[in-house]
Amino acid sequence: MDKLLLRVGEAAQVLNVSRWTIYRWVEEGRLEATKIGKGSLRVFHDSVTSLVERNRTDGSTVRLMIRRTAMR
């Protein structure tokens, strides 16, 4: 079965973050992605869903995770 891929902008919209945050999270290994053709990055939908689920504890959201990351 083919895996659903999202454009960087689509993943950013789903997670309510910037495109640059998506690129950084891919580089850090928080999101799984692949390059298509001459280098267009696509993010695996399952990876986005996983990220949301991993960071949803007691009402915590991805936005709170971003704040925690920015404080480092």
PDB file of N, CA and C in Angstrom:
ATOM      1  N   MET A   1       0.839  -1.175   0.000  1.00  0.00           N
ATOM      2  CA  MET A   1       0.000   0.000   0.000  1.00  0.00           C
ATOM      3  C   MET A   1       0.888   1.243   0.000  1.00  0.00           C
ATOM      4  N   ASP A   2       0.521   2.233  -0.778  1.00  0.00           N
ATOM      5  CA  ASP A   2       1.275   3.484  -0.828  1.00  0.00           C
ATOM      6  C   ASP A   2       1.042   4.292   0.438  1.00  0.00           C
ATOM      7  N   LYS A   3       2.103   4.957   0.889  1.00  0.00           N
ATOM      8  CA  LYS A   3       1.982   5.821   2.059  1.00  0.00           C
ATOM      9  C   LYS A   3       1.587   7.213   1.604  1.00  0.00           C
ATOM     10  N   LEU A   4       0.715   7.850   2.371  1.00  0.00           N
ATOM     11  CA  LEU A   4       0.261   9.195   2.066  1.00  0.00           C
ATOM     12  C   LEU A   4       1.370  10.188   2.387  1.00  0.00           C
ATOM     13  N   LEU A   5       1.669  11.051   1.425  1.00  0.00           N
ATOM     14  CA  LEU A   5       2.714  12.061   1.596  1.00  0.00           C
ATOM     15  C   LEU A   5       2.095  13.451   1.595  1.00  0.00           C
ATOM     16  N   LEU A   6       2.666  14.330   2.406  1.00  0.00           N
ATOM     17  CA  LEU A   6       2.222  15.720   2.472  1.00  0.00           C
ATOM     18  C   LEU A   6       3.337  16.634   1.998  1.00  0.00           C
ATOM     19  N   ARG A   7       2.983  17.710   1.339  1.00  0.00           N
ATOM     20  CA  ARG A   7       3.968  18.746   1.026  1.00  0.00           C
ATOM     21  C   ARG A   7       4.345  19.416   2.340  1.00  0.00           C
ATOM     22  N   VAL A   8       5.490  20.057   2.362  1.00  0.00           N
ATOM     23  CA  VAL A   8       5.958  20.721   3.578  1.00  0.00           C
ATOM     24  C   VAL A   8       4.922  21.732   4.067  1.00  0.00           C
ATOM     25  N   GLY A   9       4.366  22.507   3.157  1.00  0.00           N
ATOM     26  CA  GLY A   9       3.354  23.494   3.528  1.00  0.00           C
ATOM     27  C   GLY A   9       2.101  22.867   4.123  1.00  0.00           C
ATOM     28  N   GLU A  10       1.715  21.713   3.595  1.00  0.00           N
ATOM     29  CA  GLU A  10       0.539  21.014   4.118  1.00  0.00           C
ATOM     30  C   GLU A  10       0.795  20.504   5.533  1.00  0.00           C
ATOM     31  N   ALA A  11       1.979  19.921   5.744  1.00  0.00           N
ATOM     32  CA  ALA A  11       2.337  19.438   7.081  1.00  0.00           C
ATOM     33  C   ALA A  11       2.387  20.602   8.064  1.00  0.00           C
ATOM     34  N   ALA A  12       2.937  21.721   7.625  1.00  0.00           N
ATOM     35  CA  ALA A  12       3.019  22.909   8.478  1.00  0.00           C
ATOM     36  C   ALA A  12       1.622  23.392   8.860  1.00  0.00           C
ATOM     37  N   GLN A  13       0.718  23.360   7.906  1.00  0.00           N
ATOM     38  CA  GLN A  13      -0.651  23.803   8.170  1.00  0.00           C
ATOM     39  C   GLN A  13      -1.341  22.870   9.162  1.00  0.00           C
ATOM     40  N   VAL A  14      -1.174  21.570   8.986  1.00  0.00           N
ATOM     41  CA  VAL A  14      -1.781  20.595   9.896  1.00  0.00           C
ATOM     42  C   VAL A  14      -1.269  20.800  11.320  1.00  0.00           C
ATOM     43  N   LEU A  15       0.033  21.054  11.458  1.00  0.00           N
ATOM     44  CA  LEU A  15       0.649  21.192  12.779  1.00  0.00           C
ATOM     45  C   LEU A  15       0.633  22.626  13.306  1.00  0.00           C
ATOM     46  N   ASN A  16       0.167  23.546  12.474  1.00  0.00           N
ATOM     47  CA  ASN A  16       0.102  24.959  12.851  1.00  0.00           C
ATOM     48  C   ASN A  16       1.482  25.514  13.224  1.00  0.00           C
ATOM     49  N   VAL A  17       2.457  25.206  12.377  1.00  0.00           N
ATOM     50  CA  VAL A  17       3.825  25.705  12.542  1.00  0.00           C
ATOM     51  C   VAL A  17       4.306  26.237  11.196  1.00  0.00           C
ATOM     52  N   SER A  18       5.491  26.824  11.183  1.00  0.00           N
ATOM     53  CA  SER A  18       6.038  27.338   9.926  1.00  0.00           C
ATOM     54  C   SER A  18       6.652  26.207   9.100  1.00  0.00           C
ATOM     55  N   ARG A  19       6.858  26.492   7.835  1.00  0.00           N
ATOM     56  CA  ARG A  19       7.530  25.524   6.953  1.00  0.00           C
ATOM     57  C   ARG A  19       8.934  25.244   7.468  1.00  0.00           C
ATOM     58  N   TRP A  20       9.605  26.284   7.983  1.00  0.00           N
ATOM     59  CA  TRP A  20      10.983  26.118   8.475  1.00  0.00           C
ATOM     60  C   TRP A  20      11.023  25.179   9.670  1.00  0.00           C
ATOM     61  N   THR A  21       9.972  25.208  10.495  1.00  0.00           N
ATOM     62  CA  THR A  21       9.899  24.282  11.627  1.00  0.00           C
ATOM     63  C   THR A  21       9.806  22.850  11.114  1.00  0.00           C
ATOM     64  N   ILE A  22       9.038  22.637  10.059  1.00  0.00           N
ATOM     65  CA  ILE A  22       8.924  21.294   9.476  1.00  0.00           C
ATOM     66  C   ILE A  22      10.291  20.824   8.990  1.00  0.00           C
ATOM     67  N   TYR A  23      11.012  21.677   8.255  1.00  0.00           N
ATOM     68  CA  TYR A  23      12.349  21.298   7.780  1.00  0.00           C
ATOM     69  C   TYR A  23      13.266  20.957   8.957  1.00  0.00           C
ATOM     70  N   ARG A  24      13.200  21.762  10.016  1.00  0.00           N
ATOM     71  CA  ARG A  24      14.046  21.523  11.185  1.00  0.00           C
ATOM     72  C   ARG A  24      13.677  20.202  11.855  1.00  0.00           C
ATOM     73  N   TRP A  25      12.378  19.934  12.008  1.00  0.00           N
ATOM     74  CA  TRP A  25      11.943  18.700  12.648  1.00  0.00           C
ATOM     75  C   TRP A  25      12.332  17.479  11.823  1.00  0.00           C
ATOM     76  N   VAL A  26      12.317  17.599  10.504  1.00  0.00           N
ATOM     77  CA  VAL A  26      12.777  16.493   9.651  1.00  0.00           C
ATOM     78  C   VAL A  26      14.265  16.270   9.895  1.00  0.00           C
ATOM     79  N   GLU A  27      15.028  17.356   9.925  1.00  0.00           N
ATOM     80  CA  GLU A  27      16.473  17.256  10.154  1.00  0.00           C
ATOM     81  C   GLU A  27      16.778  16.654  11.526  1.00  0.00           C
ATOM     82  N   GLU A  28      15.976  16.995  12.529  1.00  0.00           N
ATOM     83  CA  GLU A  28      16.168  16.484  13.890  1.00  0.00           C
ATOM     84  C   GLU A  28      15.637  15.066  14.061  1.00  0.00           C
ATOM     85  N   GLY A  29      14.896  14.565  13.069  1.00  0.00           N
ATOM     86  CA  GLY A  29      14.353  13.217  13.151  1.00  0.00           C
ATOM     87  C   GLY A  29      12.985  13.129  13.815  1.00  0.00           C
ATOM     88  N   ARG A  30      12.375  14.248  14.109  1.00  0.00           N
ATOM     89  CA  ARG A  30      11.044  14.247  14.730  1.00  0.00           C
ATOM     90  C   ARG A  30       9.963  13.866  13.727  1.00  0.00           C
ATOM     91  N   LEU A  31      10.185  14.186  12.454  1.00  0.00           N
ATOM     92  CA  LEU A  31       9.265  13.827  11.377  1.00  0.00           C
ATOM     93  C   LEU A  31      10.027  13.030  10.332  1.00  0.00           C
ATOM     94  N   GLU A  32       9.350  12.046   9.747  1.00  0.00           N
ATOM     95  CA  GLU A  32       9.945  11.267   8.663  1.00  0.00           C
ATOM     96  C   GLU A  32       9.508  11.864   7.331  1.00  0.00           C
ATOM     97  N   ALA A  33      10.459  11.944   6.422  1.00  0.00           N
ATOM     98  CA  ALA A  33      10.170  12.530   5.114  1.00  0.00           C
ATOM     99  C   ALA A  33      11.022  11.847   4.054  1.00  0.00           C
ATOM    100  N   THR A  34      10.708  12.141   2.811  1.00  0.00           N
ATOM    101  CA  THR A  34      11.469  11.609   1.689  1.00  0.00           C
ATOM    102  C   THR A  34      11.581  12.694   0.627  1.00  0.00           C
ATOM    103  N   LYS A  35      12.605  12.575  -0.182  1.00  0.00           N
ATOM    104  CA  LYS A  35      12.759  13.514  -1.294  1.00  0.00           C
ATOM    105  C   LYS A  35      12.224  12.864  -2.556  1.00  0.00           C
ATOM    106  N   ILE A  36      11.547  13.664  -3.350  1.00  0.00           N
ATOM    107  CA  ILE A  36      10.955  13.185  -4.595  1.00  0.00           C
ATOM    108  C   ILE A  36      11.567  13.968  -5.745  1.00  0.00           C
ATOM    109  N   GLY A  37      11.876  13.265  -6.800  1.00  0.00           N
ATOM    110  CA  GLY A  37      12.426  13.938  -7.979  1.00  0.00           C
ATOM    111  C   GLY A  37      13.747  14.604  -7.685  1.00  0.00           C
ATOM    112  N   LYS A  38      13.835  15.887  -8.014  1.00  0.00           N
ATOM    113  CA  LYS A  38      15.091  16.618  -7.867  1.00  0.00           C
ATOM    114  C   LYS A  38      15.276  17.197  -6.473  1.00  0.00           C
ATOM    115  N   GLY A  39      14.530  16.697  -5.511  1.00  0.00           N
ATOM    116  CA  GLY A  39      14.752  17.136  -4.146  1.00  0.00           C
ATOM    117  C   GLY A  39      13.561  17.717  -3.424  1.00  0.00           C
ATOM    118  N   SER A  40      12.371  17.652  -4.016  1.00  0.00           N
ATOM    119  CA  SER A  40      11.181  18.143  -3.313  1.00  0.00           C
ATOM    120  C   SER A  40      10.915  17.255  -2.108  1.00  0.00           C
ATOM    121  N   LEU A  41      10.816  17.862  -0.950  1.00  0.00           N
ATOM    122  CA  LEU A  41      10.616  17.114   0.285  1.00  0.00           C
ATOM    123  C   LEU A  41       9.135  16.838   0.498  1.00  0.00           C
ATOM    124  N   ARG A  42       8.821  15.613   0.879  1.00  0.00           N
ATOM    125  CA  ARG A  42       7.458  15.222   1.237  1.00  0.00           C
ATOM    126  C   ARG A  42       7.517  14.559   2.607  1.00  0.00           C
ATOM    127  N   VAL A  43       6.551  14.901   3.450  1.00  0.00           N
ATOM    128  CA  VAL A  43       6.490  14.392   4.817  1.00  0.00           C
ATOM    129  C   VAL A  43       5.451  13.277   4.866  1.00  0.00           C
ATOM    130  N   PHE A  44       5.793  12.180   5.538  1.00  0.00           N
ATOM    131  CA  PHE A  44       4.852  11.075   5.672  1.00  0.00           C
ATOM    132  C   PHE A  44       3.717  11.477   6.611  1.00  0.00           C
ATOM    133  N   HIS A  45       2.481  11.295   6.151  1.00  0.00           N
ATOM    134  CA  HIS A  45       1.300  11.637   6.947  1.00  0.00           C
ATOM    135  C   HIS A  45       1.325  10.909   8.288  1.00  0.00           C
ATOM    136  N   ASP A  46       1.703   9.629   8.282  1.00  0.00           N
ATOM    137  CA  ASP A  46       1.769   8.854   9.525  1.00  0.00           C
ATOM    138  C   ASP A  46       2.730   9.478  10.523  1.00  0.00           C
ATOM    139  N   SER A  47       3.793  10.075  10.028  1.00  0.00           N
ATOM    140  CA  SER A  47       4.773  10.722  10.884  1.00  0.00           C
ATOM    141  C   SER A  47       4.175  11.953  11.566  1.00  0.00           C
ATOM    142  N   VAL A  48       3.380  12.701  10.821  1.00  0.00           N
ATOM    143  CA  VAL A  48       2.707  13.884  11.381  1.00  0.00           C
ATOM    144  C   VAL A  48       1.719  13.445  12.460  1.00  0.00           C
ATOM    145  N   THR A  49       0.924  12.433  12.152  1.00  0.00           N
ATOM    146  CA  THR A  49      -0.049  11.911  13.111  1.00  0.00           C
ATOM    147  C   THR A  49       0.646  11.408  14.367  1.00  0.00           C
ATOM    148  N   SER A  50       1.737  10.704  14.178  1.00  0.00           N
ATOM    149  CA  SER A  50       2.526  10.177  15.296  1.00  0.00           C
ATOM    150  C   SER A  50       3.048  11.298  16.187  1.00  0.00           C
ATOM    151  N   LEU A  51       3.548  12.354  15.569  1.00  0.00           N
ATOM    152  CA  LEU A  51       4.078  13.489  16.325  1.00  0.00           C
ATOM    153  C   LEU A  51       2.989  14.104  17.196  1.00  0.00           C
ATOM    154  N   VAL A  52       1.815  14.268  16.631  1.00  0.00           N
ATOM    155  CA  VAL A  52       0.699  14.828  17.395  1.00  0.00           C
ATOM    156  C   VAL A  52       0.358  13.914  18.570  1.00  0.00           C
ATOM    157  N   GLU A  53       0.251  12.623  18.319  1.00  0.00           N
ATOM    158  CA  GLU A  53      -0.109  11.673  19.374  1.00  0.00           C
ATOM    159  C   GLU A  53       0.953  11.602  20.474  1.00  0.00           C
ATOM    160  N   ARG A  54       2.221  11.636  20.100  1.00  0.00           N
ATOM    161  CA  ARG A  54       3.305  11.582  21.094  1.00  0.00           C
ATOM    162  C   ARG A  54       3.286  12.789  22.014  1.00  0.00           C
ATOM    163  N   ASN A  55       2.795  13.901  21.517  1.00  0.00           N
ATOM    164  CA  ASN A  55       2.842  15.143  22.284  1.00  0.00           C
ATOM    165  C   ASN A  55       1.491  15.565  22.842  1.00  0.00           C
ATOM    166  N   ARG A  56       0.525  14.690  22.772  1.00  0.00           N
ATOM    167  CA  ARG A  56      -0.803  14.978  23.318  1.00  0.00           C
ATOM    168  C   ARG A  56      -0.944  14.245  24.647  1.00  0.00           C
ATOM    169  N   THR A  57      -0.585  14.911  25.711  1.00  0.00           N
ATOM    170  CA  THR A  57      -0.733  14.344  27.047  1.00  0.00           C
ATOM    171  C   THR A  57      -1.382  15.386  27.942  1.00  0.00           C
ATOM    172  N   ASP A  58      -2.442  15.015  28.591  1.00  0.00           N
ATOM    173  CA  ASP A  58      -3.157  15.916  29.496  1.00  0.00           C
ATOM    174  C   ASP A  58      -3.455  17.267  28.849  1.00  0.00           C
ATOM    175  N   GLY A  59      -3.920  17.247  27.623  1.00  0.00           N
ATOM    176  CA  GLY A  59      -4.293  18.484  26.945  1.00  0.00           C
ATOM    177  C   GLY A  59      -3.133  19.197  26.284  1.00  0.00           C
ATOM    178  N   SER A  60      -1.921  18.656  26.418  1.00  0.00           N
ATOM    179  CA  SER A  60      -0.756  19.270  25.782  1.00  0.00           C
ATOM    180  C   SER A  60      -0.901  19.152  24.269  1.00  0.00           C
ATOM    181  N   THR A  61      -0.420  20.149  23.559  1.00  0.00           N
ATOM    182  CA  THR A  61      -0.510  20.137  22.102  1.00  0.00           C
ATOM    183  C   THR A  61       0.863  20.334  21.497  1.00  0.00           C
ATOM    184  N   VAL A  62       0.924  20.251  20.202  1.00  0.00           N
ATOM    185  CA  VAL A  62       2.178  20.498  19.495  1.00  0.00           C
ATOM    186  C   VAL A  62       2.658  21.912  19.782  1.00  0.00           C
ATOM    187  N   ARG A  63       1.731  22.865  19.916  1.00  0.00           N
ATOM    188  CA  ARG A  63       2.115  24.254  20.192  1.00  0.00           C
ATOM    189  C   ARG A  63       2.897  24.336  21.505  1.00  0.00           C
ATOM    190  N   LEU A  64       2.487  23.590  22.523  1.00  0.00           N
ATOM    191  CA  LEU A  64       3.224  23.582  23.789  1.00  0.00           C
ATOM    192  C   LEU A  64       4.599  22.969  23.604  1.00  0.00           C
ATOM    193  N   MET A  65       4.687  21.944  22.761  1.00  0.00           N
ATOM    194  CA  MET A  65       5.976  21.324  22.489  1.00  0.00           C
ATOM    195  C   MET A  65       6.911  22.339  21.848  1.00  0.00           C
ATOM    196  N   ILE A  66       6.379  23.168  20.970  1.00  0.00           N
ATOM    197  CA  ILE A  66       7.195  24.183  20.307  1.00  0.00           C
ATOM    198  C   ILE A  66       7.734  25.160  21.341  1.00  0.00           C
ATOM    199  N   ARG A  67       6.884  25.575  22.254  1.00  0.00           N
ATOM    200  CA  ARG A  67       7.324  26.507  23.296  1.00  0.00           C
ATOM    201  C   ARG A  67       8.430  25.892  24.136  1.00  0.00           C
ATOM    202  N   ARG A  68       8.271  24.625  24.493  1.00  0.00           N
ATOM    203  CA  ARG A  68       9.299  23.948  25.293  1.00  0.00           C
ATOM    204  C   ARG A  68      10.608  23.881  24.525  1.00  0.00           C
ATOM    205  N   THR A  69      10.535  23.579  23.243  1.00  0.00           N
ATOM    206  CA  THR A  69      11.728  23.483  22.406  1.00  0.00           C
ATOM    207  C   THR A  69      12.412  24.837  22.291  1.00  0.00           C
ATOM    208  N   ALA A  70      11.637  25.891  22.143  1.00  0.00           N
ATOM    209  CA  ALA A  70      12.195  27.233  21.985  1.00  0.00           C
ATOM    210  C   ALA A  70      12.898  27.713  23.250  1.00  0.00           C
ATOM    211  N   MET A  71      12.524  27.173  24.396  1.00  0.00           N
ATOM    212  CA  MET A  71      13.111  27.603  25.663  1.00  0.00           C
ATOM    213  C   MET A  71      14.480  26.998  25.917  1.00  0.00           C
ATOM    214  N   ARG A  72      14.862  26.015  25.153  1.00  0.00           N
ATOM    215  CA  ARG A  72      16.153  25.338  25.370  1.00  0.00           C
ATOM    216  C   ARG A  72      17.307  26.244  25.094  1.00  0.00           C
TER     217      ARG A  72
END
